[in-house]
Amino acid sequence: MPTILAIDDDEIFQILVRRIFEPMGAEIISALTSDEGLDIASRIVPSVILLDIRLPGKIGDGWALARMLQEQEHLQNTPIVMVSASGGMGSHPPEAVEYAGYFSKPFKVDVFRDFISQFLR
């Protein structure tokens, strides 16, 4: 079963991810903080990680968390899709982190669904 790790403190986004991808057979695992996301990611190998740029937690922003996730050997081949309501790439240059895609909230649900679906096969 494909698994999506959604690391985002926006509970509405978490609900949206469930409504889109659970009917497609995906398991959704949610984390509301950067610390919780890192803890969960250290124990699983998701098909894709959806990662908010602005997150509460001690780790820092989503870019810092993305770097930490990419350093974990078991996640080397796991795509990370950045998601943010801030409308921009944040304070860190995107070149500092490898990511498979970027979505600015609000986004077109069908475009988001189609893009993420490629990682669930």
N, C-alpha and C. Protein backbone atom coordinates (compact mmCIF):
# COMPACT_ATOMS: atom_id res chain seq x y z
N MET A 1 0.84 -1.17 0.00
CA MET A 1 0.00 0.00 0.00
C MET A 1 0.89 1.25 0.00
N PRO A 2 0.66 2.16 -0.92
CA PRO A 2 1.45 3.40 -0.92
C PRO A 2 1.14 4.24 0.33
N THR A 3 2.17 4.92 0.81
CA THR A 3 2.05 5.70 2.03
C THR A 3 2.48 7.14 1.78
N ILE A 4 1.68 8.07 2.26
CA ILE A 4 2.02 9.49 2.21
C ILE A 4 2.27 9.97 3.63
N LEU A 5 3.43 10.57 3.85
CA LEU A 5 3.71 11.23 5.12
C LEU A 5 3.47 12.72 4.90
N ALA A 6 2.43 13.25 5.52
CA ALA A 6 2.07 14.66 5.38
C ALA A 6 2.51 15.40 6.64
N ILE A 7 3.53 16.24 6.49
CA ILE A 7 4.06 17.00 7.62
C ILE A 7 3.62 18.45 7.43
N ASP A 8 2.56 18.82 8.12
CA ASP A 8 1.96 20.14 7.93
C ASP A 8 1.08 20.43 9.14
N ASP A 9 1.21 21.61 9.72
CA ASP A 9 0.41 21.96 10.89
C ASP A 9 -0.99 22.45 10.53
N ASP A 10 -1.30 22.51 9.26
CA ASP A 10 -2.61 22.94 8.77
C ASP A 10 -3.53 21.71 8.74
N GLU A 11 -4.44 21.64 9.71
CA GLU A 11 -5.31 20.46 9.79
C GLU A 11 -6.26 20.36 8.61
N ILE A 12 -6.62 21.48 8.02
CA ILE A 12 -7.47 21.45 6.82
C ILE A 12 -6.72 20.79 5.67
N PHE A 13 -5.43 21.09 5.53
CA PHE A 13 -4.62 20.43 4.51
C PHE A 13 -4.55 18.92 4.78
N GLN A 14 -4.40 18.55 6.04
CA GLN A 14 -4.35 17.12 6.39
C GLN A 14 -5.64 16.42 5.99
N ILE A 15 -6.77 17.06 6.24
CA ILE A 15 -8.07 16.49 5.86
C ILE A 15 -8.16 16.37 4.34
N LEU A 16 -7.73 17.40 3.64
CA LEU A 16 -7.76 17.39 2.17
C LEU A 16 -6.93 16.24 1.62
N VAL A 17 -5.74 16.04 2.14
CA VAL A 17 -4.87 14.95 1.69
C VAL A 17 -5.57 13.61 1.89
N ARG A 18 -6.21 13.43 3.04
CA ARG A 18 -6.95 12.18 3.30
C ARG A 18 -8.09 11.99 2.30
N ARG A 19 -8.84 13.04 2.07
CA ARG A 19 -10.00 12.95 1.16
C ARG A 19 -9.59 12.66 -0.28
N ILE A 20 -8.43 13.16 -0.67
CA ILE A 20 -7.96 12.93 -2.04
C ILE A 20 -7.38 11.53 -2.20
N PHE A 21 -6.49 11.13 -1.29
CA PHE A 21 -5.66 9.97 -1.54
C PHE A 21 -6.11 8.67 -0.86
N GLU A 22 -6.87 8.73 0.22
CA GLU A 22 -7.36 7.48 0.81
C GLU A 22 -8.26 6.70 -0.14
N PRO A 23 -9.18 7.37 -0.88
CA PRO A 23 -9.98 6.62 -1.84
C PRO A 23 -9.15 5.97 -2.96
N MET A 24 -7.93 6.46 -3.14
CA MET A 24 -7.03 5.89 -4.15
C MET A 24 -6.22 4.74 -3.56
N GLY A 25 -6.45 4.41 -2.28
CA GLY A 25 -5.76 3.29 -1.66
C GLY A 25 -4.50 3.65 -0.90
N ALA A 26 -4.24 4.93 -0.71
CA ALA A 26 -3.03 5.34 0.00
C ALA A 26 -3.29 5.43 1.50
N GLU A 27 -2.28 5.08 2.26
CA GLU A 27 -2.31 5.29 3.70
C GLU A 27 -1.72 6.67 3.97
N ILE A 28 -2.39 7.46 4.79
CA ILE A 28 -1.91 8.80 5.12
C ILE A 28 -1.44 8.81 6.56
N ILE A 29 -0.21 9.23 6.77
CA ILE A 29 0.33 9.39 8.11
C ILE A 29 0.60 10.88 8.29
N SER A 30 0.03 11.46 9.35
CA SER A 30 0.12 12.90 9.56
C SER A 30 1.06 13.26 10.69
N ALA A 31 1.76 14.37 10.51
CA ALA A 31 2.58 14.97 11.56
C ALA A 31 2.29 16.46 11.53
N LEU A 32 2.12 17.05 12.71
CA LEU A 32 1.76 18.46 12.79
C LEU A 32 2.93 19.38 13.13
N THR A 33 4.08 18.80 13.49
CA THR A 33 5.27 19.59 13.80
C THR A 33 6.48 18.99 13.10
N SER A 34 7.54 19.77 13.02
CA SER A 34 8.77 19.27 12.39
C SER A 34 9.36 18.13 13.21
N ASP A 35 9.29 18.24 14.52
CA ASP A 35 9.84 17.19 15.40
C ASP A 35 9.08 15.87 15.23
N GLU A 36 7.76 15.97 15.20
CA GLU A 36 6.93 14.77 15.01
C GLU A 36 7.19 14.16 13.63
N GLY A 37 7.33 15.01 12.62
CA GLY A 37 7.61 14.52 11.27
C GLY A 37 8.93 13.76 11.20
N LEU A 38 9.97 14.29 11.83
CA LEU A 38 11.27 13.62 11.82
C LEU A 38 11.19 12.29 12.57
N ASP A 39 10.49 12.28 13.69
CA ASP A 39 10.34 11.05 14.47
C ASP A 39 9.63 9.97 13.65
N ILE A 40 8.52 10.32 13.01
CA ILE A 40 7.79 9.34 12.21
C ILE A 40 8.63 8.88 11.03
N ALA A 41 9.26 9.83 10.34
CA ALA A 41 10.06 9.49 9.16
C ALA A 41 11.24 8.59 9.50
N SER A 42 11.71 8.64 10.73
CA SER A 42 12.83 7.78 11.11
C SER A 42 12.40 6.31 11.24
N ARG A 43 11.08 6.07 11.27
CA ARG A 43 10.56 4.72 11.48
C ARG A 43 9.85 4.11 10.27
N ILE A 44 9.64 4.90 9.22
CA ILE A 44 8.90 4.39 8.05
C ILE A 44 9.61 4.80 6.77
N VAL A 45 9.20 4.19 5.67
CA VAL A 45 9.67 4.59 4.34
C VAL A 45 8.42 4.92 3.52
N PRO A 46 8.00 6.17 3.54
CA PRO A 46 6.80 6.54 2.79
C PRO A 46 7.06 6.58 1.29
N SER A 47 6.00 6.52 0.52
CA SER A 47 6.11 6.65 -0.94
C SER A 47 6.47 8.07 -1.32
N VAL A 48 5.96 9.04 -0.55
CA VAL A 48 6.22 10.46 -0.79
C VAL A 48 6.02 11.20 0.53
N ILE A 49 6.76 12.30 0.69
CA ILE A 49 6.61 13.16 1.86
C ILE A 49 6.09 14.50 1.38
N LEU A 50 4.98 14.95 1.96
CA LEU A 50 4.45 16.29 1.72
C LEU A 50 4.90 17.14 2.89
N LEU A 51 5.62 18.21 2.61
CA LEU A 51 6.30 18.95 3.68
C LEU A 51 6.02 20.45 3.58
N ASP A 52 5.42 20.98 4.63
CA ASP A 52 5.16 22.41 4.73
C ASP A 52 6.48 23.14 4.99
N ILE A 53 6.59 24.35 4.50
CA ILE A 53 7.81 25.13 4.72
C ILE A 53 7.81 25.76 6.11
N ARG A 54 6.68 26.27 6.54
CA ARG A 54 6.58 26.90 7.87
C ARG A 54 5.93 25.92 8.83
N LEU A 55 6.76 25.42 9.77
CA LEU A 55 6.30 24.41 10.72
C LEU A 55 6.68 24.78 12.14
N PRO A 56 5.82 24.48 13.11
CA PRO A 56 6.25 24.61 14.50
C PRO A 56 7.18 23.45 14.85
N GLY A 57 8.01 23.68 15.83
CA GLY A 57 8.91 22.63 16.29
C GLY A 57 10.32 23.16 16.45
N LYS A 58 11.14 22.40 17.14
CA LYS A 58 12.51 22.81 17.45
C LYS A 58 13.46 22.70 16.26
N ILE A 59 13.11 21.90 15.29
CA ILE A 59 14.01 21.65 14.16
C ILE A 59 14.19 22.89 13.29
N GLY A 60 13.14 23.67 13.18
CA GLY A 60 13.19 24.85 12.31
C GLY A 60 12.19 24.69 11.19
N ASP A 61 12.44 25.36 10.09
CA ASP A 61 11.48 25.35 8.99
C ASP A 61 11.54 24.05 8.18
N GLY A 62 10.66 23.97 7.19
CA GLY A 62 10.57 22.77 6.37
C GLY A 62 11.84 22.49 5.58
N TRP A 63 12.55 23.57 5.18
CA TRP A 63 13.80 23.35 4.44
C TRP A 63 14.82 22.65 5.32
N ALA A 64 14.92 23.06 6.60
CA ALA A 64 15.85 22.40 7.53
C ALA A 64 15.45 20.94 7.74
N LEU A 65 14.16 20.71 7.89
CA LEU A 65 13.68 19.34 8.07
C LEU A 65 13.95 18.51 6.82
N ALA A 66 13.74 19.09 5.65
CA ALA A 66 14.00 18.36 4.40
C ALA A 66 15.46 17.91 4.32
N ARG A 67 16.38 18.79 4.71
CA ARG A 67 17.80 18.41 4.71
C ARG A 67 18.04 17.23 5.65
N MET A 68 17.42 17.28 6.83
CA MET A 68 17.59 16.19 7.80
C MET A 68 16.99 14.89 7.27
N LEU A 69 15.85 14.98 6.62
CA LEU A 69 15.22 13.77 6.05
C LEU A 69 16.10 13.17 4.96
N GLN A 70 16.67 14.01 4.13
CA GLN A 70 17.50 13.52 3.03
C GLN A 70 18.80 12.91 3.51
N GLU A 71 19.21 13.22 4.72
CA GLU A 71 20.42 12.63 5.29
C GLU A 71 20.16 11.21 5.80
N GLN A 72 18.90 10.84 5.96
CA GLN A 72 18.58 9.50 6.45
C GLN A 72 18.66 8.52 5.28
N GLU A 73 19.51 7.54 5.44
CA GLU A 73 19.79 6.59 4.35
C GLU A 73 18.53 5.91 3.82
N HIS A 74 17.62 5.53 4.70
CA HIS A 74 16.43 4.81 4.25
C HIS A 74 15.45 5.71 3.47
N LEU A 75 15.67 7.02 3.48
CA LEU A 75 14.79 7.94 2.75
C LEU A 75 15.45 8.52 1.50
N GLN A 76 16.60 8.02 1.13
CA GLN A 76 17.35 8.56 0.00
C GLN A 76 16.52 8.63 -1.29
N ASN A 77 15.65 7.68 -1.50
CA ASN A 77 14.87 7.63 -2.74
C ASN A 77 13.42 8.08 -2.55
N THR A 78 13.12 8.68 -1.41
CA THR A 78 11.76 9.14 -1.13
C THR A 78 11.61 10.58 -1.61
N PRO A 79 10.70 10.84 -2.54
CA PRO A 79 10.51 12.21 -3.01
C PRO A 79 9.87 13.08 -1.94
N ILE A 80 10.30 14.33 -1.89
CA ILE A 80 9.74 15.32 -0.98
C ILE A 80 9.08 16.39 -1.83
N VAL A 81 7.81 16.68 -1.53
CA VAL A 81 7.08 17.73 -2.22
C VAL A 81 6.82 18.83 -1.19
N MET A 82 7.35 20.01 -1.46
CA MET A 82 7.18 21.14 -0.57
C MET A 82 5.82 21.78 -0.82
N VAL A 83 5.17 22.17 0.29
CA VAL A 83 3.85 22.78 0.23
C VAL A 83 3.86 23.97 1.19
N SER A 84 3.34 25.13 0.73
CA SER A 84 3.36 26.28 1.61
C SER A 84 2.25 27.26 1.30
N ALA A 85 1.74 27.89 2.35
CA ALA A 85 0.76 28.95 2.18
C ALA A 85 1.44 30.31 2.09
N SER A 86 2.75 30.33 2.27
CA SER A 86 3.46 31.61 2.28
C SER A 86 3.60 32.21 0.90
N GLY A 87 3.37 31.42 -0.14
CA GLY A 87 3.42 31.94 -1.50
C GLY A 87 4.82 32.08 -2.07
N GLY A 88 5.83 31.74 -1.32
CA GLY A 88 7.20 31.84 -1.80
C GLY A 88 8.01 30.65 -1.36
N MET A 89 9.23 30.60 -1.79
CA MET A 89 10.09 29.47 -1.47
C MET A 89 10.70 29.58 -0.07
N GLY A 90 10.44 30.65 0.65
CA GLY A 90 10.98 30.79 2.00
C GLY A 90 12.35 31.42 1.98
N SER A 91 13.00 31.43 3.13
CA SER A 91 14.25 32.15 3.28
C SER A 91 15.46 31.40 2.73
N HIS A 92 15.37 30.12 2.57
CA HIS A 92 16.51 29.33 2.09
C HIS A 92 16.40 29.13 0.59
N PRO A 93 17.51 29.19 -0.11
CA PRO A 93 17.44 28.94 -1.55
C PRO A 93 17.02 27.50 -1.83
N PRO A 94 16.12 27.29 -2.79
CA PRO A 94 15.66 25.93 -3.07
C PRO A 94 16.78 24.99 -3.47
N GLU A 95 17.90 25.51 -3.93
CA GLU A 95 19.02 24.65 -4.32
C GLU A 95 19.62 23.93 -3.12
N ALA A 96 19.33 24.42 -1.91
CA ALA A 96 19.89 23.82 -0.71
C ALA A 96 19.25 22.46 -0.40
N VAL A 97 18.12 22.19 -1.03
CA VAL A 97 17.38 20.96 -0.77
C VAL A 97 16.90 20.40 -2.10
N GLU A 98 17.01 19.09 -2.23
CA GLU A 98 16.43 18.45 -3.42
C GLU A 98 14.97 18.15 -3.11
N TYR A 99 14.09 18.59 -3.98
CA TYR A 99 12.68 18.31 -3.78
C TYR A 99 12.05 18.01 -5.14
N ALA A 100 11.01 17.21 -5.09
CA ALA A 100 10.38 16.72 -6.33
C ALA A 100 9.36 17.70 -6.88
N GLY A 101 8.86 18.60 -6.04
CA GLY A 101 7.85 19.55 -6.49
C GLY A 101 7.57 20.57 -5.42
N TYR A 102 6.84 21.62 -5.81
CA TYR A 102 6.48 22.69 -4.90
C TYR A 102 5.06 23.14 -5.22
N PHE A 103 4.21 23.21 -4.19
CA PHE A 103 2.85 23.69 -4.36
C PHE A 103 2.59 24.82 -3.38
N SER A 104 2.05 25.91 -3.89
CA SER A 104 1.67 27.05 -3.07
C SER A 104 0.18 26.97 -2.80
N LYS A 105 -0.21 27.04 -1.53
CA LYS A 105 -1.63 27.00 -1.17
C LYS A 105 -2.25 28.38 -1.42
N PRO A 106 -3.44 28.45 -1.91
CA PRO A 106 -4.26 27.34 -2.39
C PRO A 106 -3.78 26.88 -3.77
N PHE A 107 -4.00 25.63 -4.07
CA PHE A 107 -3.60 25.07 -5.35
C PHE A 107 -4.79 24.36 -5.98
N LYS A 108 -4.66 24.04 -7.25
CA LYS A 108 -5.72 23.30 -7.93
C LYS A 108 -5.62 21.84 -7.51
N VAL A 109 -6.68 21.34 -6.93
CA VAL A 109 -6.69 19.99 -6.36
C VAL A 109 -6.37 18.94 -7.41
N ASP A 110 -6.92 19.07 -8.62
CA ASP A 110 -6.68 18.05 -9.64
C ASP A 110 -5.22 18.03 -10.07
N VAL A 111 -4.58 19.19 -10.13
CA VAL A 111 -3.15 19.25 -10.50
C VAL A 111 -2.31 18.61 -9.39
N PHE A 112 -2.64 18.93 -8.14
CA PHE A 112 -1.95 18.36 -6.98
C PHE A 112 -2.11 16.84 -6.96
N ARG A 113 -3.36 16.38 -7.10
CA ARG A 113 -3.66 14.93 -7.10
C ARG A 113 -2.86 14.21 -8.19
N ASP A 114 -2.88 14.74 -9.40
CA ASP A 114 -2.19 14.10 -10.52
C ASP A 114 -0.68 14.06 -10.29
N PHE A 115 -0.12 15.15 -9.74
CA PHE A 115 1.32 15.19 -9.50
C PHE A 115 1.72 14.18 -8.42
N ILE A 116 1.02 14.17 -7.30
CA ILE A 116 1.36 13.27 -6.20
C ILE A 116 1.11 11.82 -6.58
N SER A 117 0.10 11.56 -7.40
CA SER A 117 -0.24 10.19 -7.79
C SER A 117 0.91 9.46 -8.47
N GLN A 118 1.77 10.20 -9.14
CA GLN A 118 2.90 9.54 -9.81
C GLN A 118 3.82 8.82 -8.83
N PHE A 119 3.83 9.24 -7.58
CA PHE A 119 4.70 8.62 -6.57
C PHE A 119 4.01 7.47 -5.85
N LEU A 120 2.75 7.23 -6.16
CA LEU A 120 1.98 6.21 -5.45
C LEU A 120 1.85 4.91 -6.22
N ARG A 121 2.50 4.83 -7.35
CA ARG A 121 2.38 3.63 -8.19
C ARG A 121 3.34 2.55 -7.73
